[in-house]
Amino acid sequence: MAAAWIRGKTASLDDAVAQAAGLLAASRLPVIAGLGTDVAGARAAVGLAQRLGGAIDHMHSAALLRNLDVMRGSGMMVTTPNEARLRGDLLLLVGPGLAEAWAEMPERLFSDGGKRRIAWLCPGDDAKTAGRYPDMRVLGEPDDLPIILAALRARCAGQPVGQTAVAADLLAALAADLTNARFGVALWSAAHLDTLTIDMLCGLVKDLNSTTRFSGLPLAPPDNAAAVQQVSGWMNGFPLPVCFARGFAEHDPWRFDATRLVESGEADCALWISCYGPHAPAWKRELPTIALAAAPSDLHADVVIAVGQPGIDHDAVGYLSATATIAALPARSPADALPAAEALAMIAAALPAARPC
């Protein structure tokens, strides 16, 4: 039996669903946010936002949009984790957050008996992970990354460079290794890099391809963000965030950012979905809120409905970092937990029939 609460008091699932539907139906502009859910949950959330004429946004859409901005603006050459593992003879790891984005990365890419050369630019908090591999070159601190990366690109192009936080001989040696690689791969996490830094890195990758084979491997943010973004693309034709307030899908990263909509008062009701961990909304303004969460005790909302963790409590479809693809995820520890997609379907069914579609 699913657990549910209304204003902090235990309630039946039917009552919680009815209360949630009432809050959404009375809303002028509801926002569906968080969106840490599987593909079925994402499809149900998009359909509900369309029916409500509301906005929808993922908690990690800003990171996804940094990569997308570069891809749309100047292009991006990318490969897959398996290609990096099987063919890559040189890995250029860029910035912090890689171990967080792909926990299996060391096991998948570093355990090759030392045959693969690896350099990590400005690892930050990932320095402990890098320190376990004595043959790995670690250069710079996170604040120095844009300058180091620009200098490295210039050096690979045979251009003179000024002084940086990395010694000139170390920079020259790394540039030589990059240009001499047979199949090099640059890895990064957009959650920790800005758009201009990613653009610089992708420019370096394209430069190197004039003389050798080099590619990029952007690591996806957590909470199934990459899969949810693809769901939005095939259902709406746009990446998140998206709004249906005018009766059709519109995409604008600033106008429809969930936090901005809440903080400005434009949104007057929120539905927060977090199936993968105890993530709370970033906004500070209070408004009527419904939460679908795998860790409901960590959230304060008018209506809370406990849901299962995709791929753990119930079968799901989601993004796999190991293959950079969407795949079926059989439940590892099946439990009697309500999937987010079913909770959303129940809320949609409880909405007044007169609500515009």
Protein backbone atom coordinates (compact mmCIF):
# COMPACT_ATOMS: atom_id res chain seq x y z
CA MET A 1 0.00 0.00 0.00
CA ALA A 2 1.42 3.39 -1.02
CA ALA A 3 2.18 5.89 1.72
CA ALA A 4 0.77 9.42 1.45
CA TRP A 5 0.48 12.55 3.56
CA ILE A 6 -1.63 15.71 3.42
CA ARG A 7 -0.13 18.69 5.27
CA GLY A 8 2.04 16.35 7.30
CA LYS A 9 -0.72 13.95 8.34
CA THR A 10 -1.04 10.40 7.07
CA ALA A 11 -3.71 10.05 4.39
CA SER A 12 -5.05 7.45 2.03
CA LEU A 13 -3.65 7.39 -1.47
CA ASP A 14 -7.06 8.27 -2.93
CA ASP A 15 -7.38 11.32 -0.67
CA ALA A 16 -3.85 12.47 -1.48
CA VAL A 17 -4.47 12.10 -5.20
CA ALA A 18 -7.75 14.04 -4.95
CA GLN A 19 -6.04 16.82 -2.97
CA ALA A 20 -3.18 17.00 -5.49
CA ALA A 21 -5.61 17.17 -8.40
CA GLY A 22 -7.54 19.94 -6.66
CA LEU A 23 -4.42 22.05 -6.16
CA LEU A 24 -3.37 21.64 -9.78
CA ALA A 25 -6.85 22.32 -11.13
CA ALA A 26 -7.07 25.57 -9.17
CA SER A 27 -3.66 26.74 -10.37
CA ARG A 28 -3.22 29.51 -12.92
CA LEU A 29 0.27 28.32 -13.95
CA PRO A 30 1.46 25.07 -12.39
CA VAL A 31 5.05 23.92 -12.83
CA ILE A 32 6.15 20.29 -12.88
CA ALA A 33 9.76 20.22 -11.73
CA GLY A 34 12.47 17.97 -10.37
CA LEU A 35 11.54 15.30 -12.93
CA GLY A 36 13.89 12.74 -11.45
CA THR A 37 11.95 9.83 -12.91
CA ASP A 38 12.14 7.07 -15.50
CA VAL A 39 10.96 7.28 -19.10
CA ALA A 40 7.38 6.26 -18.24
CA GLY A 41 7.25 8.90 -15.51
CA ALA A 42 8.64 11.54 -17.85
CA ARG A 43 6.03 10.73 -20.49
CA ALA A 44 3.25 10.97 -17.91
CA ALA A 45 4.66 14.27 -16.58
CA VAL A 46 4.83 15.84 -20.03
CA GLY A 47 1.27 14.73 -20.75
CA LEU A 48 0.05 16.18 -17.46
CA ALA A 49 1.84 19.51 -18.07
CA GLN A 50 0.24 19.71 -21.51
CA ARG A 51 -3.21 19.04 -20.09
CA LEU A 52 -2.75 21.63 -17.33
CA GLY A 53 -1.25 24.26 -19.61
CA GLY A 54 1.74 24.40 -17.28
CA ALA A 55 5.53 24.44 -17.43
CA ILE A 56 7.87 21.49 -17.03
CA ASP A 57 11.57 21.48 -16.17
CA HIS A 58 14.23 19.02 -14.96
CA MET A 59 16.38 19.82 -11.92
CA HIS A 60 19.50 19.38 -14.09
CA SER A 61 18.29 21.00 -17.30
CA ALA A 62 20.85 23.84 -16.99
CA ALA A 63 23.71 21.33 -17.26
CA LEU A 64 22.05 19.58 -20.21
CA LEU A 65 21.56 22.89 -21.99
CA ARG A 66 25.25 23.82 -21.72
CA ASN A 67 26.20 20.86 -23.89
CA LEU A 68 23.21 21.46 -26.16
CA ASP A 69 24.13 25.14 -26.62
CA VAL A 70 27.60 24.15 -27.83
CA MET A 71 26.21 21.44 -30.09
CA ARG A 72 23.70 23.84 -31.64
CA GLY A 73 26.16 26.71 -31.93
CA SER A 74 29.43 25.22 -33.15
CA GLY A 75 29.01 21.46 -33.25
CA MET A 76 30.36 18.66 -31.12
CA MET A 77 32.22 15.45 -32.00
CA VAL A 78 31.28 12.70 -29.55
CA THR A 79 31.80 9.01 -29.04
CA THR A 80 30.43 6.35 -26.69
CA PRO A 81 31.81 4.94 -23.42
CA ASN A 82 32.43 1.58 -25.08
CA GLU A 83 34.40 3.16 -27.91
CA ALA A 84 36.46 5.07 -25.35
CA ARG A 85 37.11 1.84 -23.46
CA LEU A 86 37.94 -0.31 -26.48
CA ARG A 87 39.79 2.15 -28.73
CA GLY A 88 40.97 5.08 -26.65
CA ASP A 89 44.75 5.16 -26.14
CA LEU A 90 44.67 8.58 -24.46
CA LEU A 91 42.03 10.04 -22.15
CA LEU A 92 41.81 13.74 -21.36
CA LEU A 93 39.60 14.16 -18.28
CA VAL A 94 38.49 17.77 -17.89
CA GLY A 95 37.26 19.37 -14.68
CA PRO A 96 35.61 18.01 -11.53
CA GLY A 97 32.45 15.96 -11.12
CA LEU A 98 33.40 13.05 -13.37
CA ALA A 99 33.45 10.44 -10.62
CA GLU A 100 30.04 11.64 -9.46
CA ALA A 101 28.59 11.58 -12.98
CA TRP A 102 29.91 8.10 -13.74
CA ALA A 103 30.78 6.07 -10.66
CA GLU A 104 31.99 3.11 -12.76
CA MET A 105 34.39 5.28 -14.80
CA PRO A 106 37.60 4.14 -13.03
CA GLU A 107 36.66 0.49 -13.38
CA ARG A 108 35.61 0.89 -17.01
CA LEU A 109 38.38 3.16 -18.28
CA PHE A 110 41.35 3.06 -15.91
CA SER A 111 41.81 -0.69 -15.43
CA ASP A 112 43.80 -1.46 -18.58
CA GLY A 113 47.15 -2.39 -17.05
CA GLY A 114 48.63 1.07 -17.69
CA LYS A 115 48.42 0.81 -21.49
CA ARG A 116 46.17 3.85 -21.76
CA ARG A 117 47.63 7.27 -21.03
CA ILE A 118 45.41 9.47 -18.87
CA ALA A 119 45.61 13.14 -17.95
CA TRP A 120 43.17 14.97 -15.69
CA LEU A 121 42.91 18.74 -15.93
CA CYS A 122 41.77 20.48 -12.75
CA PRO A 123 40.01 17.54 -11.03
CA GLY A 124 38.98 19.52 -7.92
CA ASP A 125 37.10 17.21 -5.56
CA ASP A 126 37.95 14.29 -7.84
CA ALA A 127 41.63 14.60 -6.87
CA LYS A 128 41.22 11.68 -4.45
CA THR A 129 40.01 9.47 -7.27
CA ALA A 130 42.86 10.61 -9.51
CA GLY A 131 45.38 10.07 -6.71
CA ARG A 132 44.71 6.32 -6.70
CA TYR A 133 46.41 6.05 -10.09
CA PRO A 134 50.08 7.03 -9.87
CA ASP A 135 50.59 6.97 -13.65
CA MET A 136 47.84 9.55 -14.20
CA ARG A 137 48.94 13.13 -14.80
CA VAL A 138 46.96 15.65 -12.75
CA LEU A 139 47.29 19.31 -13.72
CA GLY A 140 45.81 22.48 -12.25
CA GLU A 141 42.94 23.59 -10.04
CA PRO A 142 39.29 24.17 -11.09
CA ASP A 143 39.58 27.97 -11.15
CA ASP A 144 42.48 27.69 -13.60
CA LEU A 145 40.69 25.44 -16.07
CA PRO A 146 39.58 27.98 -18.72
CA ILE A 147 43.08 29.47 -19.02
CA ILE A 148 44.82 26.08 -19.00
CA LEU A 149 42.45 24.72 -21.62
CA ALA A 150 42.91 27.78 -23.85
CA ALA A 151 46.68 27.52 -23.52
CA LEU A 152 46.59 23.81 -24.30
CA ARG A 153 44.52 24.42 -27.42
CA ALA A 154 46.94 27.10 -28.57
CA ARG A 155 49.90 24.83 -27.86
CA CYS A 156 48.37 21.97 -29.86
CA ALA A 157 47.94 24.41 -32.76
CA GLY A 158 51.60 25.41 -32.56
CA GLN A 159 50.83 28.89 -31.24
CA PRO A 160 52.80 30.63 -28.48
CA VAL A 161 51.24 30.80 -25.01
CA GLY A 162 51.82 32.91 -21.94
CA GLN A 163 52.34 31.79 -18.37
CA THR A 164 49.68 29.57 -16.80
CA ALA A 165 49.25 27.66 -13.56
CA VAL A 166 50.79 24.64 -15.30
CA ALA A 167 54.53 24.60 -16.04
CA ALA A 168 55.36 25.21 -19.70
CA ASP A 169 57.18 21.88 -20.12
CA LEU A 170 54.22 19.92 -18.68
CA LEU A 171 51.81 21.74 -20.97
CA ALA A 172 54.02 21.09 -23.98
CA ALA A 173 54.30 17.38 -23.11
CA LEU A 174 50.54 17.03 -22.80
CA ALA A 175 50.00 18.87 -26.10
CA ALA A 176 52.43 16.49 -27.80
CA ASP A 177 50.60 13.48 -26.40
CA LEU A 178 47.26 14.82 -27.60
CA THR A 179 48.49 15.44 -31.13
CA ASN A 180 50.15 12.01 -31.29
CA ALA A 181 47.19 10.03 -29.96
CA ARG A 182 45.76 7.36 -32.23
CA PHE A 183 42.27 7.61 -30.70
CA GLY A 184 41.94 10.23 -27.98
CA VAL A 185 38.84 10.92 -25.90
CA ALA A 186 38.03 14.02 -23.81
CA LEU A 187 35.58 13.52 -20.94
CA TRP A 188 33.71 16.22 -19.02
CA SER A 189 30.65 16.88 -16.88
CA ALA A 190 28.63 19.93 -17.86
CA ALA A 191 27.35 20.16 -14.28
CA HIS A 192 30.74 21.64 -13.35
CA LEU A 193 31.76 23.53 -16.51
CA ASP A 194 30.35 26.67 -18.09
CA THR A 195 29.29 26.87 -21.72
CA LEU A 196 32.38 28.76 -22.92
CA THR A 197 34.72 26.20 -21.35
CA ILE A 198 32.82 23.36 -23.02
CA ASP A 199 32.97 25.25 -26.32
CA MET A 200 36.74 25.66 -25.92
CA LEU A 201 37.15 21.94 -25.19
CA CYS A 202 35.04 20.93 -28.20
CA GLY A 203 37.09 23.32 -30.33
CA LEU A 204 40.25 21.54 -29.16
CA VAL A 205 38.72 18.18 -30.12
CA LYS A 206 37.90 19.45 -33.60
CA ASP A 207 41.40 20.93 -34.01
CA LEU A 208 43.01 17.61 -33.11
CA ASN A 209 40.95 15.80 -35.73
CA SER A 210 42.84 17.59 -38.47
CA THR A 211 45.81 15.30 -37.81
CA THR A 212 44.52 12.39 -35.70
CA ARG A 213 41.34 10.84 -34.30
CA PHE A 214 39.94 12.53 -31.24
CA SER A 215 36.43 12.67 -29.82
CA GLY A 216 34.43 13.86 -26.82
CA LEU A 217 32.44 12.04 -24.18
CA PRO A 218 30.08 14.32 -22.19
CA LEU A 219 28.88 12.62 -19.01
CA ALA A 220 25.19 13.03 -18.31
CA PRO A 221 23.84 14.62 -15.11
CA PRO A 222 22.18 12.31 -12.57
CA ASP A 223 18.47 11.63 -11.98
CA ASN A 224 17.94 10.23 -15.48
CA ALA A 225 18.29 13.74 -16.90
CA ALA A 226 19.49 12.65 -20.35
CA ALA A 227 16.57 10.26 -20.86
CA VAL A 228 14.01 12.80 -19.65
CA GLN A 229 15.46 15.36 -22.05
CA GLN A 230 15.05 12.88 -24.92
CA VAL A 231 11.46 12.21 -23.88
CA SER A 232 10.78 15.94 -24.10
CA GLY A 233 12.36 16.01 -27.55
CA TRP A 234 10.28 13.24 -29.03
CA MET A 235 7.03 14.39 -27.38
CA ASN A 236 7.37 18.18 -27.75
CA GLY A 237 10.06 18.77 -30.35
CA PHE A 238 11.99 20.82 -27.78
CA PRO A 239 14.42 20.23 -24.92
CA LEU A 240 13.41 21.21 -21.41
CA PRO A 241 12.24 23.55 -20.02
CA VAL A 242 8.95 23.70 -21.91
CA CYS A 243 5.66 25.49 -21.26
CA PHE A 244 2.16 24.82 -22.61
CA ALA A 245 0.47 27.95 -21.24
CA ARG A 246 -0.51 29.16 -24.73
CA GLY A 247 -1.90 25.79 -25.78
CA PHE A 248 1.23 24.55 -27.54
CA ALA A 249 4.80 23.68 -26.57
CA GLU A 250 7.26 26.56 -26.20
CA HIS A 251 10.91 26.31 -25.18
CA ASP A 252 12.81 29.11 -23.45
CA PRO A 253 15.61 28.33 -20.95
CA TRP A 254 15.09 31.59 -19.04
CA ARG A 255 11.32 32.15 -19.16
CA PHE A 256 10.40 28.60 -18.21
CA ASP A 257 13.14 27.82 -15.70
CA ALA A 258 11.25 26.26 -12.79
CA THR A 259 13.12 28.12 -10.04
CA ARG A 260 12.64 31.47 -11.77
CA LEU A 261 8.93 30.82 -12.30
CA VAL A 262 8.44 30.00 -8.62
CA GLU A 263 10.60 32.79 -7.21
CA SER A 264 8.98 35.42 -9.45
CA GLY A 265 5.48 34.36 -8.44
CA GLU A 266 4.49 33.44 -11.99
CA ALA A 267 3.97 29.81 -10.96
CA ASP A 268 1.35 29.36 -8.25
CA CYS A 269 1.54 25.58 -7.76
CA ALA A 270 4.35 23.04 -8.10
CA LEU A 271 4.52 19.30 -8.61
CA TRP A 272 7.99 18.05 -7.58
CA ILE A 273 9.19 14.60 -8.70
CA SER A 274 12.29 12.98 -7.19
CA CYS A 275 12.47 9.20 -7.53
CA TYR A 276 16.25 8.75 -7.31
CA GLY A 277 17.23 10.50 -4.10
CA PRO A 278 16.33 13.02 -1.40
CA HIS A 279 16.50 16.08 -3.66
CA ALA A 280 14.55 19.15 -2.55
CA PRO A 281 13.57 22.15 -4.70
CA ALA A 282 16.10 24.97 -4.92
CA TRP A 283 13.51 27.73 -4.61
CA LYS A 284 12.84 29.58 -1.34
CA ARG A 285 9.36 30.97 -1.99
CA GLU A 286 6.50 28.97 -0.52
CA LEU A 287 3.61 27.88 -2.73
CA PRO A 288 1.16 24.95 -2.85
CA THR A 289 3.32 21.92 -3.60
CA ILE A 290 2.77 18.27 -4.39
CA ALA A 291 5.74 15.92 -4.07
CA LEU A 292 6.22 12.46 -5.55
CA ALA A 293 9.38 11.14 -3.90
CA ALA A 294 11.26 7.98 -3.07
CA ALA A 295 12.47 9.68 0.14
CA PRO A 296 9.29 11.53 1.19
CA SER A 297 10.45 12.32 4.74
CA ASP A 298 13.02 14.76 3.30
CA LEU A 299 10.41 16.94 1.61
CA HIS A 300 7.94 19.49 2.95
CA ALA A 301 4.87 19.77 0.76
CA ASP A 302 1.11 20.10 1.03
CA VAL A 303 0.70 16.65 -0.50
CA VAL A 304 3.38 13.95 -0.46
CA ILE A 305 3.06 10.59 -2.17
CA ALA A 306 5.78 7.98 -1.76
CA VAL A 307 6.93 6.42 -5.05
CA GLY A 308 9.42 3.72 -5.94
CA GLN A 309 12.97 4.02 -7.23
CA PRO A 310 13.14 3.10 -10.93
CA GLY A 311 15.25 0.05 -11.61
CA ILE A 312 15.35 -0.82 -7.93
CA ASP A 313 11.78 -1.08 -6.65
CA HIS A 314 10.16 -1.57 -10.04
CA ASP A 315 11.12 -2.24 -13.66
CA ALA A 316 11.95 0.90 -15.60
CA VAL A 317 13.52 2.38 -18.71
CA GLY A 318 16.31 4.87 -18.15
CA TYR A 319 19.70 6.22 -19.16
CA LEU A 320 22.79 4.03 -18.68
CA SER A 321 26.09 5.88 -18.23
CA ALA A 322 28.05 2.76 -19.18
CA THR A 323 26.60 2.75 -22.70
CA ALA A 324 25.22 6.31 -23.04
CA THR A 325 21.92 4.85 -24.18
CA ILE A 326 18.38 4.38 -22.89
CA ALA A 327 17.78 0.78 -21.82
CA ALA A 328 15.43 -1.45 -19.85
CA LEU A 329 16.30 -1.63 -16.15
CA PRO A 330 14.84 -4.68 -14.38
CA ALA A 331 14.06 -4.12 -10.72
CA ARG A 332 17.04 -5.15 -8.56
CA SER A 333 14.97 -5.43 -5.37
CA PRO A 334 11.31 -5.56 -6.39
CA ALA A 335 9.04 -3.90 -3.84
CA ASP A 336 5.40 -2.94 -3.51
CA ALA A 337 6.13 0.67 -4.42
CA LEU A 338 4.02 2.94 -6.60
CA PRO A 339 5.81 3.99 -9.81
CA ALA A 340 5.75 7.73 -10.48
CA ALA A 341 4.02 7.16 -13.81
CA GLU A 342 1.09 5.48 -12.06
CA ALA A 343 0.84 8.24 -9.46
CA LEU A 344 0.79 10.87 -12.23
CA ALA A 345 -1.85 8.92 -14.14
CA MET A 346 -4.04 8.81 -11.03
CA ILE A 347 -3.69 12.57 -10.53
CA ALA A 348 -4.52 13.21 -14.21
CA ALA A 349 -7.60 11.00 -13.94
CA ALA A 350 -8.78 12.94 -10.88
CA LEU A 351 -8.66 16.32 -12.62
CA PRO A 352 -11.99 17.96 -13.46
CA ALA A 353 -13.24 16.96 -16.89
CA ALA A 354 -13.60 20.62 -17.85
CA ARG A 355 -9.84 21.20 -17.60
CA PRO A 356 -8.61 22.12 -21.10
CA CYS A 357 -6.47 19.55 -22.92
